[in-house]
Amino acid sequence: HGVLHGQVDVFNQADDDFHTAVATAAHNTFLLSAVRDARRLQR
């Protein structure tokens, strides 16, 4: 939706939500923490 409508903030938030959701679905607290930290750095 963000790409189709040219909404960069929507895309960026959804991109972060996507990667966080995948890490959450791994059911490993340490992995989730590492993914979140790395994405904070990328931001």
Full PDB file with SEQRES, HELIX, SHEET, SSBOND, CRYST1, ORIGX, SCALE, CONECT and MASTER records, all heavy atoms in Angstrom:
SEQRES   1 A   43  HIS GLY VAL LEU HIS GLY GLN VAL ASP VAL PHE ASN GLN          
SEQRES   2 A   43  ALA ASP ASP ASP PHE HIS THR ALA VAL ALA THR ALA ALA          
SEQRES   3 A   43  HIS ASN THR PHE LEU LEU SER ALA VAL ARG ASP ALA ARG          
SEQRES   4 A   43  ARG LEU GLN ARG                                              
HELIX    1 AA1 VAL A    8  ALA A   25  1                                  18    
HELIX    2 AA2 THR A   29  GLN A   42  1                                  14    
CRYST1    1.000    1.000    1.000  90.00  90.00  90.00 P 1           1          
ORIGX1      1.000000  0.000000  0.000000        0.00000                         
ORIGX2      0.000000  1.000000  0.000000        0.00000                         
ORIGX3      0.000000  0.000000  1.000000        0.00000                         
SCALE1      1.000000  0.000000  0.000000        0.00000                         
SCALE2      0.000000  1.000000  0.000000        0.00000                         
SCALE3      0.000000  0.000000  1.000000        0.00000                         
ATOM      1  N   HIS A   1       0.834  -1.205   0.000  1.00  0.00           N  
ATOM      2  CA  HIS A   1       0.000   0.000   0.000  1.00  0.00           C  
ATOM      3  C   HIS A   1       0.872   1.260   0.000  1.00  0.00           C  
ATOM      4  O   HIS A   1       0.600   2.215  -0.737  1.00  0.00           O  
ATOM      5  CB  HIS A   1      -0.916  -0.007   1.234  1.00  0.00           C  
ATOM      6  CG  HIS A   1      -1.751   1.228   1.374  1.00  0.00           C  
ATOM      7  ND1 HIS A   1      -2.981   1.363   0.775  1.00  0.00           N  
ATOM      8  CD2 HIS A   1      -1.521   2.394   2.049  1.00  0.00           C  
ATOM      9  CE1 HIS A   1      -3.478   2.556   1.072  1.00  0.00           C  
ATOM     10  NE2 HIS A   1      -2.622   3.192   1.845  1.00  0.00           N  
ATOM     11  N   GLY A   2       1.919   1.255   0.824  1.00  0.00           N  
ATOM     12  CA  GLY A   2       2.805   2.414   0.887  1.00  0.00           C  
ATOM     13  C   GLY A   2       3.468   2.712  -0.440  1.00  0.00           C  
ATOM     14  O   GLY A   2       3.586   3.869  -0.847  1.00  0.00           O  
ATOM     15  N   VAL A   3       3.906   1.659  -1.140  1.00  0.00           N  
ATOM     16  CA  VAL A   3       4.548   1.835  -2.442  1.00  0.00           C  
ATOM     17  C   VAL A   3       3.540   2.337  -3.483  1.00  0.00           C  
ATOM     18  O   VAL A   3       3.801   3.283  -4.222  1.00  0.00           O  
ATOM     19  CB  VAL A   3       5.204   0.524  -2.908  1.00  0.00           C  
ATOM     20  CG1 VAL A   3       5.652   0.634  -4.367  1.00  0.00           C  
ATOM     21  CG2 VAL A   3       6.398   0.187  -2.027  1.00  0.00           C  
ATOM     22  N   LEU A   4       2.366   1.698  -3.527  1.00  0.00           N  
ATOM     23  CA  LEU A   4       1.365   2.061  -4.531  1.00  0.00           C  
ATOM     24  C   LEU A   4       0.892   3.502  -4.390  1.00  0.00           C  
ATOM     25  O   LEU A   4       0.585   4.170  -5.378  1.00  0.00           O  
ATOM     26  CB  LEU A   4       0.166   1.112  -4.440  1.00  0.00           C  
ATOM     27  CG  LEU A   4       0.397  -0.327  -4.901  1.00  0.00           C  
ATOM     28  CD1 LEU A   4      -0.844  -1.184  -4.664  1.00  0.00           C  
ATOM     29  CD2 LEU A   4       0.781  -0.364  -6.386  1.00  0.00           C  
ATOM     30  N   HIS A   5       0.858   3.999  -3.165  1.00  0.00           N  
ATOM     31  CA  HIS A   5       0.337   5.344  -2.919  1.00  0.00           C  
ATOM     32  C   HIS A   5       1.440   6.360  -2.618  1.00  0.00           C  
ATOM     33  O   HIS A   5       1.141   7.504  -2.248  1.00  0.00           O  
ATOM     34  CB  HIS A   5      -0.673   5.308  -1.777  1.00  0.00           C  
ATOM     35  CG  HIS A   5      -1.908   4.492  -2.092  1.00  0.00           C  
ATOM     36  ND1 HIS A   5      -2.978   5.004  -2.782  1.00  0.00           N  
ATOM     37  CD2 HIS A   5      -2.195   3.196  -1.842  1.00  0.00           C  
ATOM     38  CE1 HIS A   5      -3.907   4.065  -2.930  1.00  0.00           C  
ATOM     39  NE2 HIS A   5      -3.456   2.946  -2.372  1.00  0.00           N  
ATOM     40  N   GLY A   6       2.693   5.940  -2.778  1.00  0.00           N  
ATOM     41  CA  GLY A   6       3.801   6.867  -2.582  1.00  0.00           C  
ATOM     42  C   GLY A   6       3.934   7.372  -1.160  1.00  0.00           C  
ATOM     43  O   GLY A   6       4.372   8.499  -0.930  1.00  0.00           O  
ATOM     44  N   GLN A   7       3.575   6.550  -0.174  1.00  0.00           N  
ATOM     45  CA  GLN A   7       3.609   6.961   1.234  1.00  0.00           C  
ATOM     46  C   GLN A   7       4.829   6.327   1.903  1.00  0.00           C  
ATOM     47  O   GLN A   7       4.777   5.197   2.390  1.00  0.00           O  
ATOM     48  CB  GLN A   7       2.316   6.542   1.929  1.00  0.00           C  
ATOM     49  CG  GLN A   7       1.077   7.209   1.352  1.00  0.00           C  
ATOM     50  CD  GLN A   7      -0.206   6.657   1.936  1.00  0.00           C  
ATOM     51  OE1 GLN A   7      -0.333   5.459   2.196  1.00  0.00           O  
ATOM     52  NE2 GLN A   7      -1.188   7.531   2.142  1.00  0.00           N  
ATOM     53  N   VAL A   8       5.922   7.075   1.927  1.00  0.00           N  
ATOM     54  CA  VAL A   8       7.181   6.517   2.420  1.00  0.00           C  
ATOM     55  C   VAL A   8       7.096   6.155   3.895  1.00  0.00           C  
ATOM     56  O   VAL A   8       7.652   5.140   4.333  1.00  0.00           O  
ATOM     57  CB  VAL A   8       8.355   7.494   2.149  1.00  0.00           C  
ATOM     58  CG1 VAL A   8       8.188   8.785   2.908  1.00  0.00           C  
ATOM     59  CG2 VAL A   8       9.683   6.833   2.465  1.00  0.00           C  
ATOM     60  N   ASP A   9       6.401   6.963   4.705  1.00  0.00           N  
ATOM     61  CA  ASP A   9       6.301   6.666   6.132  1.00  0.00           C  
ATOM     62  C   ASP A   9       5.520   5.377   6.370  1.00  0.00           C  
ATOM     63  O   ASP A   9       5.866   4.589   7.262  1.00  0.00           O  
ATOM     64  CB  ASP A   9       5.630   7.832   6.870  1.00  0.00           C  
ATOM     65  CG  ASP A   9       6.521   9.060   6.926  1.00  0.00           C  
ATOM     66  OD1 ASP A   9       7.743   8.906   6.761  1.00  0.00           O  
ATOM     67  OD2 ASP A   9       5.992  10.167   7.137  1.00  0.00           O  
ATOM     68  N   VAL A  10       4.463   5.178   5.583  1.00  0.00           N  
ATOM     69  CA  VAL A  10       3.676   3.949   5.711  1.00  0.00           C  
ATOM     70  C   VAL A  10       4.531   2.741   5.348  1.00  0.00           C  
ATOM     71  O   VAL A  10       4.530   1.722   6.047  1.00  0.00           O  
ATOM     72  CB  VAL A  10       2.422   4.007   4.810  1.00  0.00           C  
ATOM     73  CG1 VAL A  10       1.723   2.649   4.758  1.00  0.00           C  
ATOM     74  CG2 VAL A  10       1.460   5.075   5.312  1.00  0.00           C  
ATOM     75  N   PHE A  11       5.278   2.863   4.248  1.00  0.00           N  
ATOM     76  CA  PHE A  11       6.138   1.757   3.838  1.00  0.00           C  
ATOM     77  C   PHE A  11       7.191   1.450   4.897  1.00  0.00           C  
ATOM     78  O   PHE A  11       7.404   0.284   5.257  1.00  0.00           O  
ATOM     79  CB  PHE A  11       6.826   2.074   2.511  1.00  0.00           C  
ATOM     80  CG  PHE A  11       7.851   1.034   2.120  1.00  0.00           C  
ATOM     81  CD1 PHE A  11       7.464  -0.129   1.459  1.00  0.00           C  
ATOM     82  CD2 PHE A  11       9.193   1.209   2.438  1.00  0.00           C  
ATOM     83  CE1 PHE A  11       8.406  -1.101   1.130  1.00  0.00           C  
ATOM     84  CE2 PHE A  11      10.133   0.247   2.107  1.00  0.00           C  
ATOM     85  CZ  PHE A  11       9.732  -0.911   1.453  1.00  0.00           C  
ATOM     86  N   ASN A  12       7.877   2.477   5.390  1.00  0.00           N  
ATOM     87  CA  ASN A  12       8.953   2.256   6.351  1.00  0.00           C  
ATOM     88  C   ASN A  12       8.435   1.594   7.629  1.00  0.00           C  
ATOM     89  O   ASN A  12       9.080   0.694   8.185  1.00  0.00           O  
ATOM     90  CB  ASN A  12       9.651   3.570   6.676  1.00  0.00           C  
ATOM     91  CG  ASN A  12      10.536   4.044   5.539  1.00  0.00           C  
ATOM     92  OD1 ASN A  12      10.963   3.252   4.706  1.00  0.00           O  
ATOM     93  ND2 ASN A  12      10.807   5.334   5.497  1.00  0.00           N  
ATOM     94  N   GLN A  13       7.272   2.057   8.123  1.00  0.00           N  
ATOM     95  CA  GLN A  13       6.710   1.458   9.326  1.00  0.00           C  
ATOM     96  C   GLN A  13       6.305   0.011   9.077  1.00  0.00           C  
ATOM     97  O   GLN A  13       6.557  -0.882   9.901  1.00  0.00           O  
ATOM     98  CB  GLN A  13       5.497   2.261   9.790  1.00  0.00           C  
ATOM     99  CG  GLN A  13       4.864   1.722  11.080  1.00  0.00           C  
ATOM    100  CD  GLN A  13       5.835   1.729  12.244  1.00  0.00           C  
ATOM    101  OE1 GLN A  13       6.366   2.782  12.614  1.00  0.00           O  
ATOM    102  NE2 GLN A  13       6.102   0.569  12.839  1.00  0.00           N  
ATOM    103  N   ALA A  14       5.671  -0.241   7.921  1.00  0.00           N  
ATOM    104  CA  ALA A  14       5.242  -1.604   7.602  1.00  0.00           C  
ATOM    105  C   ALA A  14       6.439  -2.527   7.385  1.00  0.00           C  
ATOM    106  O   ALA A  14       6.388  -3.717   7.738  1.00  0.00           O  
ATOM    107  CB  ALA A  14       4.347  -1.592   6.370  1.00  0.00           C  
ATOM    108  N   ASP A  15       7.504  -1.985   6.802  1.00  0.00           N  
ATOM    109  CA  ASP A  15       8.726  -2.774   6.607  1.00  0.00           C  
ATOM    110  C   ASP A  15       9.287  -3.209   7.949  1.00  0.00           C  
ATOM    111  O   ASP A  15       9.665  -4.373   8.139  1.00  0.00           O  
ATOM    112  CB  ASP A  15       9.736  -1.939   5.833  1.00  0.00           C  
ATOM    113  CG  ASP A  15      11.034  -2.689   5.576  1.00  0.00           C  
ATOM    114  OD1 ASP A  15      10.986  -3.792   5.005  1.00  0.00           O  
ATOM    115  OD2 ASP A  15      12.105  -2.171   5.950  1.00  0.00           O  
ATOM    116  N   ASP A  16       9.319  -2.286   8.896  1.00  0.00           N  
ATOM    117  CA  ASP A  16       9.792  -2.619  10.235  1.00  0.00           C  
ATOM    118  C   ASP A  16       8.861  -3.635  10.892  1.00  0.00           C  
ATOM    119  O   ASP A  16       9.320  -4.606  11.518  1.00  0.00           O  
ATOM    120  CB  ASP A  16       9.871  -1.343  11.081  1.00  0.00           C  
ATOM    121  CG  ASP A  16      10.685  -1.538  12.344  1.00  0.00           C  
ATOM    122  OD1 ASP A  16      11.829  -2.017  12.260  1.00  0.00           O  
ATOM    123  OD2 ASP A  16      10.173  -1.213  13.429  1.00  0.00           O  
ATOM    124  N   ASP A  17       7.548  -3.438  10.732  1.00  0.00           N  
ATOM    125  CA  ASP A  17       6.579  -4.371  11.308  1.00  0.00           C  
ATOM    126  C   ASP A  17       6.737  -5.780  10.724  1.00  0.00           C  
ATOM    127  O   ASP A  17       6.604  -6.772  11.444  1.00  0.00           O  
ATOM    128  CB  ASP A  17       5.156  -3.878  11.048  1.00  0.00           C  
ATOM    129  CG  ASP A  17       4.817  -2.608  11.817  1.00  0.00           C  
ATOM    130  OD1 ASP A  17       5.537  -2.276  12.769  1.00  0.00           O  
ATOM    131  OD2 ASP A  17       3.826  -1.951  11.447  1.00  0.00           O  
ATOM    132  N   PHE A  18       7.032  -5.834   9.422  1.00  0.00           N  
ATOM    133  CA  PHE A  18       7.173  -7.132   8.762  1.00  0.00           C  
ATOM    134  C   PHE A  18       8.335  -7.921   9.358  1.00  0.00           C  
ATOM    135  O   PHE A  18       8.191  -9.087   9.751  1.00  0.00           O  
ATOM    136  CB  PHE A  18       7.390  -6.939   7.257  1.00  0.00           C  
ATOM    137  CG  PHE A  18       7.607  -8.217   6.500  1.00  0.00           C  
ATOM    138  CD1 PHE A  18       6.522  -8.952   6.032  1.00  0.00           C  
ATOM    139  CD2 PHE A  18       8.883  -8.699   6.254  1.00  0.00           C  
ATOM    140  CE1 PHE A  18       6.713 -10.150   5.338  1.00  0.00           C  
ATOM    141  CE2 PHE A  18       9.089  -9.886   5.562  1.00  0.00           C  
ATOM    142  CZ  PHE A  18       7.997 -10.608   5.104  1.00  0.00           C  
ATOM    143  N   HIS A  19       9.500  -7.294   9.426  1.00  0.00           N  
ATOM    144  CA  HIS A  19      10.679  -8.004   9.917  1.00  0.00           C  
ATOM    145  C   HIS A  19      10.540  -8.355  11.397  1.00  0.00           C  
ATOM    146  O   HIS A  19      10.981  -9.430  11.835  1.00  0.00           O  
ATOM    147  CB  HIS A  19      11.928  -7.167   9.661  1.00  0.00           C  
ATOM    148  CG  HIS A  19      12.312  -7.105   8.219  1.00  0.00           C  
ATOM    149  ND1 HIS A  19      13.127  -8.035   7.629  1.00  0.00           N  
ATOM    150  CD2 HIS A  19      11.958  -6.234   7.236  1.00  0.00           C  
ATOM    151  CE1 HIS A  19      13.284  -7.742   6.345  1.00  0.00           C  
ATOM    152  NE2 HIS A  19      12.582  -6.661   6.086  1.00  0.00           N  
ATOM    153  N   THR A  20       9.926  -7.467  12.163  1.00  0.00           N  
ATOM    154  CA  THR A  20       9.692  -7.759  13.576  1.00  0.00           C  
ATOM    155  C   THR A  20       8.710  -8.912  13.739  1.00  0.00           C  
ATOM    156  O   THR A  20       8.885  -9.779  14.612  1.00  0.00           O  
ATOM    157  CB  THR A  20       9.170  -6.513  14.299  1.00  0.00           C  
ATOM    158  OG1 THR A  20      10.115  -5.444  14.171  1.00  0.00           O  
ATOM    159  CG2 THR A  20       8.948  -6.794  15.782  1.00  0.00           C  
ATOM    160  N   ALA A  21       7.675  -8.926  12.897  1.00  0.00           N  
ATOM    161  CA  ALA A  21       6.677 -10.000  12.981  1.00  0.00           C  
ATOM    162  C   ALA A  21       7.289 -11.358  12.644  1.00  0.00           C  
ATOM    163  O   ALA A  21       6.955 -12.370  13.277  1.00  0.00           O  
ATOM    164  CB  ALA A  21       5.509  -9.696  12.044  1.00  0.00           C  
ATOM    165  N   VAL A  22       8.162 -11.395  11.646  1.00  0.00           N  
ATOM    166  CA  VAL A  22       8.836 -12.653  11.308  1.00  0.00           C  
ATOM    167  C   VAL A  22       9.686 -13.118  12.485  1.00  0.00           C  
ATOM    168  O   VAL A  22       9.667 -14.302  12.861  1.00  0.00           O  
ATOM    169  CB  VAL A  22       9.692 -12.490  10.037  1.00  0.00           C  
ATOM    170  CG1 VAL A  22      10.570 -13.729   9.820  1.00  0.00           C  
ATOM    171  CG2 VAL A  22       8.811 -12.248   8.815  1.00  0.00           C  
ATOM    172  N   ALA A  23      10.441 -12.190  13.082  1.00  0.00           N  
ATOM    173  CA  ALA A  23      11.284 -12.554  14.220  1.00  0.00           C  
ATOM    174  C   ALA A  23      10.438 -13.012  15.400  1.00  0.00           C  
ATOM    175  O   ALA A  23      10.814 -13.951  16.119  1.00  0.00           O  
ATOM    176  CB  ALA A  23      12.162 -11.371  14.615  1.00  0.00           C  
ATOM    177  N   THR A  24       9.294 -12.378  15.606  1.00  0.00           N  
ATOM    178  CA  THR A  24       8.400 -12.787  16.697  1.00  0.00           C  
ATOM    179  C   THR A  24       7.900 -14.205  16.477  1.00  0.00           C  
ATOM    180  O   THR A  24       7.817 -15.010  17.425  1.00  0.00           O  
ATOM    181  CB  THR A  24       7.203 -11.824  16.785  1.00  0.00           C  
ATOM    182  OG1 THR A  24       7.685 -10.497  17.052  1.00  0.00           O  
ATOM    183  CG2 THR A  24       6.239 -12.236  17.889  1.00  0.00           C  
ATOM    184  N   ALA A  25       7.589 -14.536  15.216  1.00  0.00           N  
ATOM    185  CA  ALA A  25       7.065 -15.861  14.890  1.00  0.00           C  
ATOM    186  C   ALA A  25       8.111 -16.959  15.055  1.00  0.00           C  
ATOM    187  O   ALA A  25       7.771 -18.146  15.062  1.00  0.00           O  
ATOM    188  CB  ALA A  25       6.525 -15.871  13.461  1.00  0.00           C  
ATOM    189  N   ALA A  26       9.383 -16.580  15.202  1.00  0.00           N  
ATOM    190  CA  ALA A  26      10.431 -17.582  15.437  1.00  0.00           C  
ATOM    191  C   ALA A  26      10.390 -18.120  16.856  1.00  0.00           C  
ATOM    192  O   ALA A  26      11.010 -19.156  17.151  1.00  0.00           O  
ATOM    193  CB  ALA A  26      11.806 -16.983  15.154  1.00  0.00           C  
ATOM    194  N   HIS A  27       9.691 -17.412  17.741  1.00  0.00           N  
ATOM    195  CA  HIS A  27       9.544 -17.838  19.137  1.00  0.00           C  
ATOM    196  C   HIS A  27      10.908 -18.036  19.809  1.00  0.00           C  
ATOM    197  O   HIS A  27      11.155 -19.039  20.482  1.00  0.00           O  
ATOM    198  CB  HIS A  27       8.706 -19.122  19.229  1.00  0.00           C  
ATOM    199  CG  HIS A  27       7.270 -18.917  18.869  1.00  0.00           C  
ATOM    200  ND1 HIS A  27       6.278 -18.687  19.791  1.00  0.00           N  
ATOM    201  CD2 HIS A  27       6.662 -18.877  17.657  1.00  0.00           C  
ATOM    202  CE1 HIS A  27       5.117 -18.524  19.181  1.00  0.00           C  
ATOM    203  NE2 HIS A  27       5.318 -18.624  17.866  1.00  0.00           N  
ATOM    204  N   ASN A  28      11.784 -17.053  19.604  1.00  0.00           N  
ATOM    205  CA  ASN A  28      13.102 -17.063  20.245  1.00  0.00           C  
ATOM    206  C   ASN A  28      13.394 -15.632  20.699  1.00  0.00           C  
ATOM    207  O   ASN A  28      13.637 -14.752  19.872  1.00  0.00           O  
ATOM    208  CB  ASN A  28      14.181 -17.558  19.279  1.00  0.00           C  
ATOM    209  CG  ASN A  28      15.541 -17.696  19.940  1.00  0.00           C  
ATOM    210  OD1 ASN A  28      16.044 -16.754  20.535  1.00  0.00           O  
ATOM    211  ND2 ASN A  28      16.136 -18.877  19.828  1.00  0.00           N  
ATOM    212  N   THR A  29      13.348 -15.415  21.994  1.00  0.00           N  
ATOM    213  CA  THR A  29      13.485 -14.065  22.546  1.00  0.00           C  
ATOM    214  C   THR A  29      14.814 -13.427  22.170  1.00  0.00           C  
ATOM    215  O   THR A  29      14.875 -12.224  21.892  1.00  0.00           O  
ATOM    216  CB  THR A  29      13.350 -14.105  24.079  1.00  0.00           C  
ATOM    217  OG1 THR A  29      12.062 -14.623  24.424  1.00  0.00           O  
ATOM    218  CG2 THR A  29      13.503 -12.717  24.682  1.00  0.00           C  
ATOM    219  N   PHE A  30      15.871 -14.217  22.136  1.00  0.00           N  
ATOM    220  CA  PHE A  30      17.186 -13.663  21.828  1.00  0.00           C  
ATOM    221  C   PHE A  30      17.263 -13.215  20.371  1.00  0.00           C  
ATOM    222  O   PHE A  30      17.832 -12.169  20.053  1.00  0.00           O  
ATOM    223  CB  PHE A  30      18.275 -14.693  22.142  1.00  0.00           C  
ATOM    224  CG  PHE A  30      18.333 -15.074  23.592  1.00  0.00           C  
ATOM    225  CD1 PHE A  30      17.761 -16.263  24.029  1.00  0.00           C  
ATOM    226  CD2 PHE A  30      18.921 -14.243  24.535  1.00  0.00           C  
ATOM    227  CE1 PHE A  30      17.783 -16.621  25.359  1.00  0.00           C  
ATOM    228  CE2 PHE A  30      18.957 -14.579  25.871  1.00  0.00           C  
ATOM    229  CZ  PHE A  30      18.382 -15.780  26.294  1.00  0.00           C  
ATOM    230  N   LEU A  31      16.710 -14.020  19.477  1.00  0.00           N  
ATOM    231  CA  LEU A  31      16.677 -13.631  18.068  1.00  0.00           C  
ATOM    232  C   LEU A  31      15.858 -12.355  17.874  1.00  0.00           C  
ATOM    233  O   LEU A  31      16.260 -11.451  17.141  1.00  0.00           O  
ATOM    234  CB  LEU A  31      16.073 -14.754  17.217  1.00  0.00           C  
ATOM    235  CG  LEU A  31      17.026 -15.758  16.580  1.00  0.00           C  
ATOM    236  CD1 LEU A  31      16.227 -16.784  15.780  1.00  0.00           C  
ATOM    237  CD2 LEU A  31      18.040 -15.057  15.683  1.00  0.00           C  
ATOM    238  N   LEU A  32      14.709 -12.290  18.508  1.00  0.00           N  
ATOM    239  CA  LEU A  32      13.852 -11.107  18.378  1.00  0.00           C  
ATOM    240  C   LEU A  32      14.579  -9.857  18.849  1.00  0.00           C  
ATOM    241  O   LEU A  32      14.538  -8.815  18.183  1.00  0.00           O  
ATOM    242  CB  LEU A  32      12.570 -11.311  19.177  1.00  0.00           C  
ATOM    243  CG  LEU A  32      11.603 -10.121  19.217  1.00  0.00           C  
ATOM    244  CD1 LEU A  32      11.150  -9.740  17.818  1.00  0.00           C  
ATOM    245  CD2 LEU A  32      10.398 -10.459  20.099  1.00  0.00           C  
ATOM    246  N   SER A  33      15.275  -9.944  19.964  1.00  0.00           N  
ATOM    247  CA  SER A  33      16.028  -8.800  20.477  1.00  0.00           C  
ATOM    248  C   SER A  33      17.130  -8.381  19.518  1.00  0.00           C  
ATOM    249  O   SER A  33      17.339  -7.184  19.263  1.00  0.00           O  
ATOM    250  CB  SER A  33      16.628  -9.137  21.850  1.00  0.00           C  
ATOM    251  OG  SER A  33      17.404  -8.069  22.346  1.00  0.00           O  
ATOM    252  N   ALA A  34      17.848  -9.366  18.948  1.00  0.00           N  
ATOM    253  CA  ALA A  34      18.928  -9.060  18.014  1.00  0.00           C  
ATOM    254  C   ALA A  34      18.396  -8.399  16.751  1.00  0.00           C  
ATOM    255  O   ALA A  34      18.985  -7.442  16.234  1.00  0.00           O  
ATOM    256  CB  ALA A  34      19.691 -10.334  17.660  1.00  0.00           C  
ATOM    257  N   VAL A  35      17.279  -8.911  16.225  1.00  0.00           N  
ATOM    258  CA  VAL A  35      16.693  -8.330  15.018  1.00  0.00           C  
ATOM    259  C   VAL A  35      16.257  -6.898  15.284  1.00  0.00           C  
ATOM    260  O   VAL A  35      16.481  -6.001  14.462  1.00  0.00           O  
ATOM    261  CB  VAL A  35      15.504  -9.191  14.533  1.00  0.00           C  
ATOM    262  CG1 VAL A  35      14.707  -8.459  13.452  1.00  0.00           C  
ATOM    263  CG2 VAL A  35      16.005 -10.525  14.001  1.00  0.00           C  
ATOM    264  N   ARG A  36      15.631  -6.649  16.415  1.00  0.00           N  
ATOM    265  CA  ARG A  36      15.189  -5.296  16.752  1.00  0.00           C  
ATOM    266  C   ARG A  36      16.370  -4.339  16.869  1.00  0.00           C  
ATOM    267  O   ARG A  36      16.327  -3.213  16.371  1.00  0.00           O  
ATOM    268  CB  ARG A  36      14.383  -5.314  18.056  1.00  0.00           C  
ATOM    269  CG  ARG A  36      12.956  -5.813  17.890  1.00  0.00           C  
ATOM    270  CD  ARG A  36      12.275  -5.928  19.233  1.00  0.00           C  
ATOM    271  NE  ARG A  36      10.839  -6.157  19.094  1.00  0.00           N  
ATOM    272  CZ  ARG A  36      10.050  -6.533  20.086  1.00  0.00           C  
ATOM    273  NH1 ARG A  36      10.563  -6.744  21.300  1.00  0.00           N  
ATOM    274  NH2 ARG A  36       8.759  -6.715  19.887  1.00  0.00           N  
ATOM    275  N   ASP A  37      17.438  -4.784  17.543  1.00  0.00           N  
ATOM    276  CA  ASP A  37      18.609  -3.919  17.700  1.00  0.00           C  
ATOM    277  C   ASP A  37      19.224  -3.571  16.343  1.00  0.00           C  
ATOM    278  O   ASP A  37      19.586  -2.418  16.086  1.00  0.00           O  
ATOM    279  CB  ASP A  37      19.657  -4.595  18.587  1.00  0.00           C  
ATOM    280  CG  ASP A  37      19.394  -4.383  20.068  1.00  0.00           C  
ATOM    281  OD1 ASP A  37      18.521  -3.564  20.394  1.00  0.00           O  
ATOM    282  OD2 ASP A  37      20.044  -5.047  20.888  1.00  0.00           O  
ATOM    283  N   ALA A  38      19.365  -4.577  15.479  1.00  0.00           N  
ATOM    284  CA  ALA A  38      19.970  -4.340  14.172  1.00  0.00           C  
ATOM    285  C   ALA A  38      19.124  -3.390  13.338  1.00  0.00           C  
ATOM    286  O   ALA A  38      19.638  -2.519  12.631  1.00  0.00           O  
ATOM    287  CB  ALA A  38      20.169  -5.664  13.435  1.00  0.00           C  
ATOM    288  N   ARG A  39      17.819  -3.522  13.413  1.00  0.00           N  
ATOM    289  CA  ARG A  39      16.952  -2.632  12.646  1.00  0.00           C  
ATOM    290  C   ARG A  39      16.965  -1.220  13.216  1.00  0.00           C  
ATOM    291  O   ARG A  39      16.826  -0.250  12.475  1.00  0.00           O  
ATOM    292  CB  ARG A  39      15.537  -3.193  12.585  1.00  0.00           C  
ATOM    293  CG  ARG A  39      15.442  -4.435  11.709  1.00  0.00           C  
ATOM    294  CD  ARG A  39      14.017  -4.779  11.369  1.00  0.00           C  
ATOM    295  NE  ARG A  39      13.373  -3.700  10.623  1.00  0.00           N  
ATOM    296  CZ  ARG A  39      13.542  -3.483   9.322  1.00  0.00           C  
ATOM    297  NH1 ARG A  39      14.360  -4.251   8.611  1.00  0.00           N  
ATOM    298  NH2 ARG A  39      12.904  -2.497   8.739  1.00  0.00           N  
ATOM    299  N   ARG A  40      17.126  -1.069  14.512  1.00  0.00           N  
ATOM    300  CA  ARG A  40      17.289   0.270  15.089  1.00  0.00           C  
ATOM    301  C   ARG A  40      18.543   0.935  14.538  1.00  0.00           C  
ATOM    302  O   ARG A  40      18.552   2.122  14.225  1.00  0.00           O  
ATOM    303  CB  ARG A  40      17.355   0.196  16.617  1.00  0.00           C  
ATOM    304  CG  ARG A  40      16.044  -0.150  17.296  1.00  0.00           C  
ATOM    305  CD  ARG A  40      16.152   0.050  18.794  1.00  0.00           C  
ATOM    306  NE  ARG A  40      14.991  -0.438  19.494  1.00  0.00           N  
ATOM    307  CZ  ARG A  40      14.955  -1.558  20.230  1.00  0.00           C  
ATOM    308  NH1 ARG A  40      16.051  -2.287  20.358  1.00  0.00           N  
ATOM    309  NH2 ARG A  40      13.858  -1.936  20.836  1.00  0.00           N  
ATOM    310  N   LEU A  41      19.612   0.166  14.433  1.00  0.00           N  
ATOM    311  CA  LEU A  41      20.843   0.704  13.862  1.00  0.00           C  
ATOM    312  C   LEU A  41      20.621   1.118  12.412  1.00  0.00           C  
ATOM    313  O   LEU A  41      21.075   2.184  11.979  1.00  0.00           O  
ATOM    314  CB  LEU A  41      21.962  -0.342  13.950  1.00  0.00           C  
ATOM    315  CG  LEU A  41      22.499  -0.649  15.345  1.00  0.00           C  
ATOM    316  CD1 LEU A  41      23.471  -1.813  15.287  1.00  0.00           C  
ATOM    317  CD2 LEU A  41      23.167   0.564  15.956  1.00  0.00           C  
ATOM    318  N   GLN A  42      19.924   0.278  11.657  1.00  0.00           N  
ATOM    319  CA  GLN A  42      19.702   0.614  10.254  1.00  0.00           C  
ATOM    320  C   GLN A  42      18.878   1.888  10.113  1.00  0.00           C  
ATOM    321  O   GLN A  42      19.065   2.662   9.176  1.00  0.00           O  
ATOM    322  CB  GLN A  42      19.004  -0.542   9.529  1.00  0.00           C  
ATOM    323  CG  GLN A  42      18.861  -0.301   8.035  1.00  0.00           C  
ATOM    324  CD  GLN A  42      18.267  -1.487   7.312  1.00  0.00           C  
ATOM    325  OE1 GLN A  42      18.593  -2.634   7.593  1.00  0.00           O  
ATOM    326  NE2 GLN A  42      17.390  -1.211   6.366  1.00  0.00           N  
ATOM    327  N   ARG A  43      17.964   2.123  11.047  1.00  0.00           N  
ATOM    328  CA  ARG A  43      17.145   3.331  10.971  1.00  0.00           C  
ATOM    329  C   ARG A  43      17.973   4.594  11.134  1.00  0.00           C  
ATOM    330  O   ARG A  43      17.537   5.677  10.764  1.00  0.00           O  
ATOM    331  CB  ARG A  43      16.025   3.281  12.009  1.00  0.00           C  
ATOM    332  CG  ARG A  43      14.862   2.398  11.601  1.00  0.00           C  
ATOM    333  CD  ARG A  43      13.616   2.724  12.417  1.00  0.00           C  
ATOM    334  NE  ARG A  43      13.760   2.370  13.812  1.00  0.00           N  
ATOM    335  CZ  ARG A  43      13.484   1.164  14.311  1.00  0.00           C  
ATOM    336  NH1 ARG A  43      13.065   0.198  13.511  1.00  0.00           N  
ATOM    337  NH2 ARG A  43      13.612   0.918  15.595  1.00  0.00           N  
TER     338      ARG A  43                                                      
MASTER        0    0    0    2    0    0    0    6  337    1    0    4          
END                                                                             
